[in-house]
Amino acid sequence: MALTKTPNQSAGKAAKKPRTLEGVIAAIPDPKREAVMADYQAAVTLMQQGKFGEAHPAMERLLKQAPPELTDRIRMYLAACVAQSAKGEHHFSNAEEQYDFAISLLNDGQYEEAREHLTEIIAGDPNADYGFYGLAVLASMTGDAESCLDKLGQAIRLKAQNRFQARADSDFQGMSDDPRFTELLYPDA
């Protein structure tokens, strides 16, 4: 007589979950875990809204109390908060350093950010001829002849050497056919 195995005794079969009259046994609610998950969701929402400065401390608090399965993800979000918060924050020791940065942005094609820095230089020092010169170069590169002539004129009024520099500056090539530009660079001709 051969023994037959019942379905629960079969090798490799997983044990069935205990059942109740209503179905599977419900998980026991954990108020502490639910609060951590709500805080986590709030911090992620702050990040999605671009509020990295607010999300950063929230993520740091979460890291201390979060369940182990979330800690790697929270560390990743913390790194993103730090990177995004630092993005756009530049600390310059002087206006010339900021000018160099603006010119590097200009050369990289980031015209609006370069314009912001050059305008900030002039706001800090209305006699910063190099700020006006940079804006003139920017205007020339973007095809804004009127602004180019205006800013270059201001740069030359503040420092006459800018006239000679502009004569040799290839960034003004697009302006070379404009008679007003020629008159600005060669007033005695």
N, C-alpha and C. Protein backbone atom coordinates (compact mmCIF):
# COMPACT_ATOMS: atom_id res chain seq x y z
N MET A 1 0.84 -1.16 0.00
CA MET A 1 0.00 0.00 0.00
C MET A 1 0.89 1.23 0.00
N ALA A 2 0.68 2.13 -0.93
CA ALA A 2 1.48 3.34 -1.08
C ALA A 2 0.85 4.47 -0.31
N LEU A 3 1.72 5.23 0.32
CA LEU A 3 1.23 6.41 1.05
C LEU A 3 1.09 7.57 0.09
N THR A 4 0.02 8.29 0.18
CA THR A 4 -0.17 9.48 -0.65
C THR A 4 -0.05 10.70 0.24
N LYS A 5 0.53 11.70 -0.32
CA LYS A 5 0.74 12.94 0.44
C LYS A 5 -0.43 13.87 0.21
N THR A 6 -0.79 14.57 1.25
CA THR A 6 -1.84 15.57 1.12
C THR A 6 -1.22 16.82 0.51
N PRO A 7 -2.01 17.72 -0.06
CA PRO A 7 -1.44 18.91 -0.70
C PRO A 7 -0.56 19.72 0.23
N ASN A 8 -0.85 19.80 1.51
CA ASN A 8 -0.04 20.59 2.44
C ASN A 8 1.29 19.92 2.74
N GLN A 9 1.38 18.64 2.51
CA GLN A 9 2.60 17.92 2.81
C GLN A 9 3.54 17.83 1.62
N SER A 10 3.11 18.25 0.47
CA SER A 10 3.93 18.14 -0.74
C SER A 10 5.19 18.97 -0.60
N ALA A 11 6.29 18.41 -1.10
CA ALA A 11 7.57 19.11 -1.03
C ALA A 11 7.54 20.34 -1.91
N GLY A 12 8.15 21.42 -1.42
CA GLY A 12 8.26 22.64 -2.21
C GLY A 12 7.02 23.51 -2.17
N LYS A 13 5.98 23.11 -1.55
CA LYS A 13 4.76 23.92 -1.47
C LYS A 13 4.88 24.88 -0.30
N ALA A 14 4.53 26.11 -0.53
CA ALA A 14 4.56 27.11 0.54
C ALA A 14 3.35 26.91 1.42
N ALA A 15 3.55 27.18 2.67
CA ALA A 15 2.43 27.06 3.60
C ALA A 15 1.43 28.15 3.30
N LYS A 16 0.16 27.80 3.39
CA LYS A 16 -0.89 28.77 3.13
C LYS A 16 -0.98 29.75 4.28
N LYS A 17 -1.36 30.98 3.95
CA LYS A 17 -1.54 31.99 4.99
C LYS A 17 -2.79 31.65 5.79
N PRO A 18 -2.75 31.89 7.07
CA PRO A 18 -3.95 31.61 7.87
C PRO A 18 -5.10 32.48 7.37
N ARG A 19 -6.26 31.91 7.39
CA ARG A 19 -7.43 32.62 6.89
C ARG A 19 -8.42 32.83 8.02
N THR A 20 -9.19 33.89 7.88
CA THR A 20 -10.26 34.16 8.83
C THR A 20 -11.56 34.04 8.06
N LEU A 21 -12.65 34.26 8.75
CA LEU A 21 -13.93 34.22 8.07
C LEU A 21 -14.04 35.31 7.01
N GLU A 22 -13.32 36.43 7.22
CA GLU A 22 -13.37 37.56 6.28
C GLU A 22 -12.27 37.50 5.24
N GLY A 23 -11.31 36.65 5.36
CA GLY A 23 -10.22 36.58 4.40
C GLY A 23 -8.89 36.44 5.10
N VAL A 24 -7.84 37.08 4.54
CA VAL A 24 -6.49 37.02 5.08
C VAL A 24 -6.40 37.90 6.32
N ILE A 25 -5.56 37.49 7.27
CA ILE A 25 -5.38 38.26 8.50
C ILE A 25 -4.78 39.62 8.15
N ALA A 26 -5.38 40.68 8.65
CA ALA A 26 -4.92 42.05 8.38
C ALA A 26 -3.67 42.35 9.21
N ALA A 27 -2.80 43.20 8.62
CA ALA A 27 -1.60 43.61 9.35
C ALA A 27 -2.01 44.51 10.52
N ILE A 28 -1.27 44.40 11.57
CA ILE A 28 -1.54 45.21 12.76
C ILE A 28 -1.02 46.62 12.50
N PRO A 29 -1.87 47.64 12.65
CA PRO A 29 -1.42 49.02 12.38
C PRO A 29 -0.33 49.45 13.36
N ASP A 30 0.67 50.15 12.83
CA ASP A 30 1.77 50.67 13.64
C ASP A 30 1.77 52.20 13.50
N PRO A 31 1.25 52.90 14.49
CA PRO A 31 1.14 54.36 14.38
C PRO A 31 2.48 55.06 14.17
N LYS A 32 3.56 54.53 14.77
CA LYS A 32 4.87 55.15 14.61
C LYS A 32 5.34 55.04 13.16
N ARG A 33 5.18 53.86 12.56
CA ARG A 33 5.57 53.65 11.16
C ARG A 33 4.72 54.53 10.23
N GLU A 34 3.43 54.61 10.51
CA GLU A 34 2.55 55.43 9.69
C GLU A 34 2.95 56.91 9.75
N ALA A 35 3.37 57.37 10.92
CA ALA A 35 3.81 58.77 11.07
C ALA A 35 5.10 59.00 10.28
N VAL A 36 6.04 58.05 10.34
CA VAL A 36 7.29 58.17 9.59
C VAL A 36 7.00 58.18 8.10
N MET A 37 6.10 57.33 7.65
CA MET A 37 5.76 57.28 6.23
C MET A 37 5.09 58.58 5.77
N ALA A 38 4.27 59.17 6.63
CA ALA A 38 3.63 60.45 6.29
C ALA A 38 4.68 61.55 6.20
N ASP A 39 5.64 61.56 7.13
CA ASP A 39 6.73 62.54 7.08
C ASP A 39 7.59 62.34 5.83
N TYR A 40 7.84 61.10 5.49
CA TYR A 40 8.62 60.77 4.29
C TYR A 40 7.92 61.31 3.05
N GLN A 41 6.62 61.05 2.95
CA GLN A 41 5.85 61.52 1.80
C GLN A 41 5.86 63.05 1.74
N ALA A 42 5.77 63.72 2.87
CA ALA A 42 5.80 65.19 2.90
C ALA A 42 7.15 65.71 2.42
N ALA A 43 8.24 65.07 2.84
CA ALA A 43 9.57 65.49 2.43
C ALA A 43 9.78 65.28 0.93
N VAL A 44 9.31 64.16 0.41
CA VAL A 44 9.42 63.89 -1.02
C VAL A 44 8.60 64.91 -1.81
N THR A 45 7.44 65.27 -1.30
CA THR A 45 6.60 66.29 -1.95
C THR A 45 7.33 67.62 -1.99
N LEU A 46 8.03 67.99 -0.92
CA LEU A 46 8.81 69.23 -0.91
C LEU A 46 9.86 69.21 -2.01
N MET A 47 10.52 68.07 -2.17
CA MET A 47 11.53 67.95 -3.22
C MET A 47 10.89 68.10 -4.60
N GLN A 48 9.74 67.48 -4.80
CA GLN A 48 9.07 67.56 -6.09
C GLN A 48 8.64 68.98 -6.41
N GLN A 49 8.41 69.77 -5.37
CA GLN A 49 8.03 71.17 -5.55
C GLN A 49 9.26 72.07 -5.70
N GLY A 50 10.44 71.48 -5.62
CA GLY A 50 11.67 72.26 -5.78
C GLY A 50 12.10 72.97 -4.50
N LYS A 51 11.53 72.61 -3.38
CA LYS A 51 11.87 73.24 -2.10
C LYS A 51 12.93 72.41 -1.38
N PHE A 52 14.12 72.39 -1.97
CA PHE A 52 15.18 71.53 -1.48
C PHE A 52 15.70 71.99 -0.12
N GLY A 53 15.69 73.29 0.13
CA GLY A 53 16.14 73.82 1.42
C GLY A 53 15.25 73.36 2.56
N GLU A 54 13.97 73.17 2.30
CA GLU A 54 13.03 72.68 3.32
C GLU A 54 13.07 71.16 3.41
N ALA A 55 13.26 70.50 2.28
CA ALA A 55 13.26 69.04 2.26
C ALA A 55 14.50 68.47 2.96
N HIS A 56 15.62 69.20 2.86
CA HIS A 56 16.88 68.70 3.43
C HIS A 56 16.78 68.40 4.93
N PRO A 57 16.36 69.35 5.78
CA PRO A 57 16.27 69.02 7.21
C PRO A 57 15.21 67.96 7.51
N ALA A 58 14.14 67.94 6.71
CA ALA A 58 13.11 66.91 6.91
C ALA A 58 13.69 65.52 6.64
N MET A 59 14.49 65.41 5.59
CA MET A 59 15.12 64.11 5.28
C MET A 59 16.14 63.72 6.36
N GLU A 60 16.87 64.69 6.90
CA GLU A 60 17.83 64.38 7.96
C GLU A 60 17.11 63.85 9.20
N ARG A 61 15.99 64.46 9.56
CA ARG A 61 15.21 63.97 10.71
C ARG A 61 14.70 62.55 10.44
N LEU A 62 14.25 62.31 9.21
CA LEU A 62 13.73 60.99 8.85
C LEU A 62 14.80 59.92 8.94
N LEU A 63 16.01 60.26 8.57
CA LEU A 63 17.10 59.28 8.56
C LEU A 63 17.30 58.67 9.94
N LYS A 64 17.05 59.45 10.98
CA LYS A 64 17.24 58.97 12.35
C LYS A 64 16.15 58.00 12.80
N GLN A 65 14.97 58.10 12.20
CA GLN A 65 13.85 57.29 12.68
C GLN A 65 13.23 56.37 11.64
N ALA A 66 13.73 56.40 10.44
CA ALA A 66 13.13 55.62 9.35
C ALA A 66 13.43 54.14 9.47
N PRO A 67 12.54 53.32 8.95
CA PRO A 67 12.81 51.88 8.92
C PRO A 67 13.99 51.60 7.99
N PRO A 68 14.70 50.51 8.22
CA PRO A 68 15.91 50.20 7.46
C PRO A 68 15.70 50.16 5.94
N GLU A 69 14.53 49.74 5.51
CA GLU A 69 14.31 49.64 4.06
C GLU A 69 14.21 51.00 3.37
N LEU A 70 14.11 52.09 4.13
CA LEU A 70 14.05 53.43 3.54
C LEU A 70 15.35 54.22 3.66
N THR A 71 16.28 53.77 4.47
CA THR A 71 17.47 54.59 4.74
C THR A 71 18.31 54.87 3.49
N ASP A 72 18.47 53.88 2.62
CA ASP A 72 19.25 54.13 1.39
C ASP A 72 18.58 55.18 0.51
N ARG A 73 17.28 55.06 0.38
CA ARG A 73 16.54 56.02 -0.44
C ARG A 73 16.60 57.42 0.18
N ILE A 74 16.51 57.52 1.48
CA ILE A 74 16.58 58.83 2.16
C ILE A 74 17.96 59.44 1.97
N ARG A 75 19.02 58.62 2.06
CA ARG A 75 20.37 59.13 1.82
C ARG A 75 20.52 59.66 0.39
N MET A 76 19.91 58.96 -0.56
CA MET A 76 19.95 59.41 -1.95
C MET A 76 19.23 60.77 -2.08
N TYR A 77 18.07 60.89 -1.45
CA TYR A 77 17.33 62.16 -1.50
C TYR A 77 18.10 63.27 -0.79
N LEU A 78 18.78 62.94 0.29
CA LEU A 78 19.61 63.95 0.98
C LEU A 78 20.70 64.48 0.06
N ALA A 79 21.35 63.58 -0.65
CA ALA A 79 22.40 64.01 -1.58
C ALA A 79 21.82 64.89 -2.68
N ALA A 80 20.64 64.56 -3.15
CA ALA A 80 19.98 65.38 -4.18
C ALA A 80 19.63 66.75 -3.63
N CYS A 81 19.18 66.81 -2.38
CA CYS A 81 18.85 68.09 -1.75
C CYS A 81 20.09 68.98 -1.66
N VAL A 82 21.18 68.40 -1.23
CA VAL A 82 22.43 69.16 -1.09
C VAL A 82 22.87 69.67 -2.45
N ALA A 83 22.85 68.80 -3.46
CA ALA A 83 23.29 69.20 -4.80
C ALA A 83 22.40 70.29 -5.38
N GLN A 84 21.10 70.14 -5.22
CA GLN A 84 20.18 71.13 -5.78
C GLN A 84 20.22 72.45 -5.01
N SER A 85 20.42 72.39 -3.71
CA SER A 85 20.52 73.61 -2.91
C SER A 85 21.76 74.40 -3.28
N ALA A 86 22.85 73.69 -3.54
CA ALA A 86 24.10 74.36 -3.89
C ALA A 86 24.10 74.87 -5.32
N LYS A 87 23.26 74.28 -6.15
CA LYS A 87 23.20 74.69 -7.56
C LYS A 87 22.73 76.14 -7.64
N GLY A 88 23.46 76.92 -8.37
CA GLY A 88 23.10 78.32 -8.54
C GLY A 88 23.66 79.23 -7.46
N GLU A 89 24.21 78.65 -6.42
CA GLU A 89 24.83 79.46 -5.38
C GLU A 89 26.33 79.55 -5.65
N HIS A 90 26.77 80.72 -5.97
CA HIS A 90 28.19 80.92 -6.24
C HIS A 90 28.68 82.01 -5.31
N HIS A 91 29.83 81.78 -4.76
CA HIS A 91 30.43 82.75 -3.85
C HIS A 91 31.70 83.27 -4.50
N PHE A 92 31.71 84.57 -4.75
CA PHE A 92 32.84 85.20 -5.40
C PHE A 92 33.54 86.11 -4.40
N SER A 93 34.85 86.11 -4.43
CA SER A 93 35.59 86.97 -3.51
C SER A 93 35.62 88.41 -3.98
N ASN A 94 35.39 88.63 -5.30
CA ASN A 94 35.32 90.00 -5.82
C ASN A 94 34.55 90.00 -7.14
N ALA A 95 34.28 91.20 -7.65
CA ALA A 95 33.48 91.35 -8.87
C ALA A 95 34.22 90.80 -10.10
N GLU A 96 35.53 90.90 -10.10
CA GLU A 96 36.30 90.39 -11.24
C GLU A 96 36.15 88.87 -11.36
N GLU A 97 36.11 88.21 -10.22
CA GLU A 97 35.91 86.76 -10.21
C GLU A 97 34.53 86.42 -10.76
N GLN A 98 33.53 87.20 -10.36
CA GLN A 98 32.18 86.99 -10.88
C GLN A 98 32.13 87.26 -12.38
N TYR A 99 32.88 88.26 -12.84
CA TYR A 99 32.95 88.57 -14.27
C TYR A 99 33.55 87.38 -15.04
N ASP A 100 34.61 86.82 -14.53
CA ASP A 100 35.23 85.66 -15.18
C ASP A 100 34.23 84.50 -15.29
N PHE A 101 33.47 84.31 -14.22
CA PHE A 101 32.45 83.26 -14.22
C PHE A 101 31.38 83.56 -15.27
N ALA A 102 30.94 84.82 -15.33
CA ALA A 102 29.92 85.22 -16.31
C ALA A 102 30.41 85.00 -17.74
N ILE A 103 31.67 85.31 -17.99
CA ILE A 103 32.23 85.11 -19.34
C ILE A 103 32.31 83.62 -19.66
N SER A 104 32.62 82.79 -18.68
CA SER A 104 32.64 81.35 -18.94
C SER A 104 31.23 80.85 -19.27
N LEU A 105 30.22 81.40 -18.60
CA LEU A 105 28.83 81.05 -18.92
C LEU A 105 28.49 81.51 -20.34
N LEU A 106 28.92 82.70 -20.67
CA LEU A 106 28.68 83.26 -21.99
C LEU A 106 29.30 82.38 -23.07
N ASN A 107 30.54 81.97 -22.86
CA ASN A 107 31.23 81.10 -23.82
C ASN A 107 30.58 79.73 -23.92
N ASP A 108 29.88 79.34 -22.84
CA ASP A 108 29.21 78.05 -22.82
C ASP A 108 27.78 78.14 -23.39
N GLY A 109 27.38 79.36 -23.78
CA GLY A 109 26.05 79.53 -24.36
C GLY A 109 24.94 79.71 -23.35
N GLN A 110 25.28 79.92 -22.10
CA GLN A 110 24.28 80.14 -21.05
C GLN A 110 24.05 81.64 -20.89
N TYR A 111 23.40 82.22 -21.89
CA TYR A 111 23.29 83.66 -22.01
C TYR A 111 22.50 84.32 -20.88
N GLU A 112 21.38 83.74 -20.49
CA GLU A 112 20.56 84.38 -19.45
C GLU A 112 21.27 84.41 -18.10
N GLU A 113 21.92 83.31 -17.75
CA GLU A 113 22.64 83.29 -16.47
C GLU A 113 23.83 84.25 -16.52
N ALA A 114 24.49 84.32 -17.67
CA ALA A 114 25.60 85.27 -17.82
C ALA A 114 25.08 86.70 -17.67
N ARG A 115 23.93 86.98 -18.28
CA ARG A 115 23.34 88.32 -18.19
C ARG A 115 23.03 88.67 -16.73
N GLU A 116 22.52 87.71 -15.98
CA GLU A 116 22.19 87.95 -14.57
C GLU A 116 23.45 88.35 -13.79
N HIS A 117 24.54 87.64 -14.01
CA HIS A 117 25.78 87.94 -13.28
C HIS A 117 26.35 89.29 -13.69
N LEU A 118 26.34 89.58 -14.97
CA LEU A 118 26.87 90.86 -15.44
C LEU A 118 26.03 92.02 -14.93
N THR A 119 24.72 91.85 -14.92
CA THR A 119 23.83 92.88 -14.40
C THR A 119 24.05 93.07 -12.90
N GLU A 120 24.29 91.98 -12.20
CA GLU A 120 24.57 92.05 -10.76
C GLU A 120 25.87 92.81 -10.49
N ILE A 121 26.85 92.62 -11.33
CA ILE A 121 28.12 93.34 -11.19
C ILE A 121 27.88 94.84 -11.31
N ILE A 122 27.11 95.24 -12.31
CA ILE A 122 26.83 96.66 -12.53
C ILE A 122 25.97 97.22 -11.41
N ALA A 123 25.04 96.43 -10.89
CA ALA A 123 24.22 96.89 -9.77
C ALA A 123 25.09 97.16 -8.54
N GLY A 124 26.11 96.35 -8.36
CA GLY A 124 27.02 96.53 -7.22
C GLY A 124 28.01 97.67 -7.43
N ASP A 125 28.34 97.95 -8.69
CA ASP A 125 29.29 99.02 -9.01
C ASP A 125 28.93 99.60 -10.38
N PRO A 126 28.20 100.72 -10.40
CA PRO A 126 27.78 101.32 -11.67
C PRO A 126 28.95 101.80 -12.53
N ASN A 127 30.17 101.82 -11.99
CA ASN A 127 31.35 102.22 -12.76
C ASN A 127 32.18 101.03 -13.22
N ALA A 128 31.61 99.84 -13.14
CA ALA A 128 32.31 98.62 -13.56
C ALA A 128 32.25 98.52 -15.08
N ASP A 129 33.23 99.12 -15.73
CA ASP A 129 33.25 99.16 -17.20
C ASP A 129 33.23 97.76 -17.79
N TYR A 130 33.91 96.82 -17.14
CA TYR A 130 33.99 95.45 -17.66
C TYR A 130 32.61 94.78 -17.64
N GLY A 131 31.75 95.17 -16.70
CA GLY A 131 30.38 94.65 -16.68
C GLY A 131 29.61 95.09 -17.92
N PHE A 132 29.74 96.38 -18.26
CA PHE A 132 29.10 96.89 -19.47
C PHE A 132 29.70 96.25 -20.72
N TYR A 133 31.01 96.09 -20.73
CA TYR A 133 31.68 95.46 -21.87
C TYR A 133 31.16 94.03 -22.04
N GLY A 134 31.04 93.29 -20.95
CA GLY A 134 30.51 91.93 -21.01
C GLY A 134 29.08 91.89 -21.55
N LEU A 135 28.26 92.85 -21.12
CA LEU A 135 26.89 92.91 -21.64
C LEU A 135 26.88 93.26 -23.13
N ALA A 136 27.83 94.09 -23.57
CA ALA A 136 27.94 94.43 -24.99
C ALA A 136 28.30 93.18 -25.80
N VAL A 137 29.25 92.41 -25.30
CA VAL A 137 29.63 91.16 -25.97
C VAL A 137 28.43 90.23 -26.05
N LEU A 138 27.72 90.09 -24.94
CA LEU A 138 26.53 89.24 -24.90
C LEU A 138 25.50 89.70 -25.93
N ALA A 139 25.25 90.99 -25.98
CA ALA A 139 24.29 91.52 -26.95
C ALA A 139 24.74 91.27 -28.38
N SER A 140 26.01 91.41 -28.63
CA SER A 140 26.54 91.14 -29.97
C SER A 140 26.35 89.67 -30.33
N MET A 141 26.64 88.79 -29.41
CA MET A 141 26.52 87.35 -29.66
C MET A 141 25.08 86.91 -29.86
N THR A 142 24.15 87.63 -29.26
CA THR A 142 22.73 87.26 -29.38
C THR A 142 22.00 88.08 -30.44
N GLY A 143 22.74 88.93 -31.15
CA GLY A 143 22.15 89.68 -32.25
C GLY A 143 21.35 90.91 -31.85
N ASP A 144 21.57 91.43 -30.67
CA ASP A 144 20.87 92.62 -30.19
C ASP A 144 21.76 93.85 -30.41
N ALA A 145 21.72 94.41 -31.62
CA ALA A 145 22.62 95.49 -32.00
C ALA A 145 22.43 96.74 -31.15
N GLU A 146 21.19 97.11 -30.86
CA GLU A 146 20.92 98.32 -30.08
C GLU A 146 21.54 98.23 -28.69
N SER A 147 21.30 97.12 -28.02
CA SER A 147 21.85 96.93 -26.68
C SER A 147 23.38 96.87 -26.73
N CYS A 148 23.91 96.23 -27.75
CA CYS A 148 25.37 96.13 -27.91
C CYS A 148 25.98 97.52 -27.99
N LEU A 149 25.42 98.37 -28.84
CA LEU A 149 25.95 99.72 -29.02
C LEU A 149 25.82 100.53 -27.72
N ASP A 150 24.69 100.39 -27.04
CA ASP A 150 24.47 101.12 -25.80
C ASP A 150 25.47 100.69 -24.72
N LYS A 151 25.60 99.39 -24.50
CA LYS A 151 26.49 98.88 -23.44
C LYS A 151 27.96 99.13 -23.77
N LEU A 152 28.33 98.98 -25.03
CA LEU A 152 29.71 99.23 -25.41
C LEU A 152 30.02 100.73 -25.26
N GLY A 153 29.08 101.57 -25.62
CA GLY A 153 29.26 103.02 -25.43
C GLY A 153 29.48 103.37 -23.98
N GLN A 154 28.72 102.74 -23.08
CA GLN A 154 28.90 102.98 -21.65
C GLN A 154 30.27 102.48 -21.18
N ALA A 155 30.67 101.31 -21.66
CA ALA A 155 31.98 100.76 -21.28
C ALA A 155 33.10 101.69 -21.73
N ILE A 156 32.98 102.25 -22.93
CA ILE A 156 34.01 103.15 -23.47
C ILE A 156 34.03 104.47 -22.69
N ARG A 157 32.85 104.98 -22.34
CA ARG A 157 32.80 106.22 -21.55
C ARG A 157 33.48 106.05 -20.19
N LEU A 158 33.33 104.86 -19.60
CA LEU A 158 33.93 104.60 -18.29
C LEU A 158 35.43 104.32 -18.40
N LYS A 159 35.84 103.72 -19.52
CA LYS A 159 37.26 103.40 -19.70
C LYS A 159 37.57 103.38 -21.20
N ALA A 160 38.32 104.36 -21.66
CA ALA A 160 38.59 104.54 -23.08
C ALA A 160 39.31 103.33 -23.71
N GLN A 161 40.06 102.58 -22.92
CA GLN A 161 40.78 101.41 -23.45
C GLN A 161 39.82 100.36 -24.01
N ASN A 162 38.58 100.37 -23.57
CA ASN A 162 37.61 99.39 -24.09
C ASN A 162 37.39 99.56 -25.59
N ARG A 163 37.58 100.77 -26.10
CA ARG A 163 37.46 101.02 -27.54
C ARG A 163 38.49 100.19 -28.30
N PHE A 164 39.73 100.20 -27.82
CA PHE A 164 40.80 99.46 -28.49
C PHE A 164 40.62 97.95 -28.35
N GLN A 165 40.13 97.55 -27.19
CA GLN A 165 39.89 96.13 -26.97
C GLN A 165 38.79 95.63 -27.91
N ALA A 166 37.74 96.43 -28.06
CA ALA A 166 36.62 96.03 -28.93
C ALA A 166 37.04 95.92 -30.39
N ARG A 167 37.99 96.74 -30.80
CA ARG A 167 38.46 96.69 -32.19
C ARG A 167 39.05 95.32 -32.54
N ALA A 168 39.69 94.70 -31.57
CA ALA A 168 40.35 93.41 -31.80
C ALA A 168 39.51 92.22 -31.34
N ASP A 169 38.36 92.47 -30.75
CA ASP A 169 37.54 91.40 -30.16
C ASP A 169 36.67 90.73 -31.23
N SER A 170 36.91 89.46 -31.49
CA SER A 170 36.17 88.73 -32.51
C SER A 170 34.70 88.52 -32.14
N ASP A 171 34.36 88.72 -30.87
CA ASP A 171 32.96 88.56 -30.45
C ASP A 171 32.07 89.65 -31.04
N PHE A 172 32.66 90.72 -31.53
CA PHE A 172 31.89 91.81 -32.15
C PHE A 172 31.84 91.68 -33.68
N GLN A 173 32.23 90.55 -34.21
CA GLN A 173 32.25 90.35 -35.65
C GLN A 173 30.90 90.62 -36.29
N GLY A 174 29.83 90.24 -35.64
CA GLY A 174 28.49 90.44 -36.17
C GLY A 174 28.10 91.90 -36.26
N MET A 175 28.83 92.76 -35.57
CA MET A 175 28.53 94.19 -35.57
C MET A 175 29.38 94.96 -36.58
N SER A 176 30.34 94.32 -37.18
CA SER A 176 31.32 95.03 -38.02
C SER A 176 30.70 95.75 -39.23
N ASP A 177 29.55 95.32 -39.69
CA ASP A 177 28.91 95.97 -40.84
C ASP A 177 28.03 97.15 -40.43
N ASP A 178 27.82 97.33 -39.14
CA ASP A 178 26.96 98.42 -38.66
C ASP A 178 27.78 99.70 -38.60
N PRO A 179 27.39 100.74 -39.35
CA PRO A 179 28.17 101.99 -39.35
C PRO A 179 28.22 102.66 -37.97
N ARG A 180 27.21 102.45 -37.15
CA ARG A 180 27.22 103.03 -35.79
C ARG A 180 28.30 102.38 -34.95
N PHE A 181 28.53 101.10 -35.16
CA PHE A 181 29.58 100.38 -34.44
C PHE A 181 30.94 100.91 -34.87
N THR A 182 31.11 101.07 -36.16
CA THR A 182 32.38 101.60 -36.69
C THR A 182 32.64 103.01 -36.15
N GLU A 183 31.59 103.82 -36.10
CA GLU A 183 31.73 105.18 -35.58
C GLU A 183 32.08 105.19 -34.10
N LEU A 184 31.53 104.22 -33.37
CA LEU A 184 31.82 104.12 -31.93
C LEU A 184 33.29 103.74 -31.71
N LEU A 185 33.80 102.83 -32.53
CA LEU A 185 35.19 102.37 -32.37
C LEU A 185 36.22 103.30 -32.98
N TYR A 186 35.84 104.01 -34.05
CA TYR A 186 36.75 104.90 -34.75
C TYR A 186 36.11 106.30 -34.87
N PRO A 187 35.97 107.00 -33.76
CA PRO A 187 35.26 108.29 -33.80
C PRO A 187 35.98 109.36 -34.61
N ASP A 188 37.28 109.26 -34.78
CA ASP A 188 38.04 110.28 -35.49
C ASP A 188 38.18 110.00 -36.99
N ALA A 189 37.66 108.87 -37.43
CA ALA A 189 37.86 108.49 -38.84
C ALA A 189 36.95 109.26 -39.77
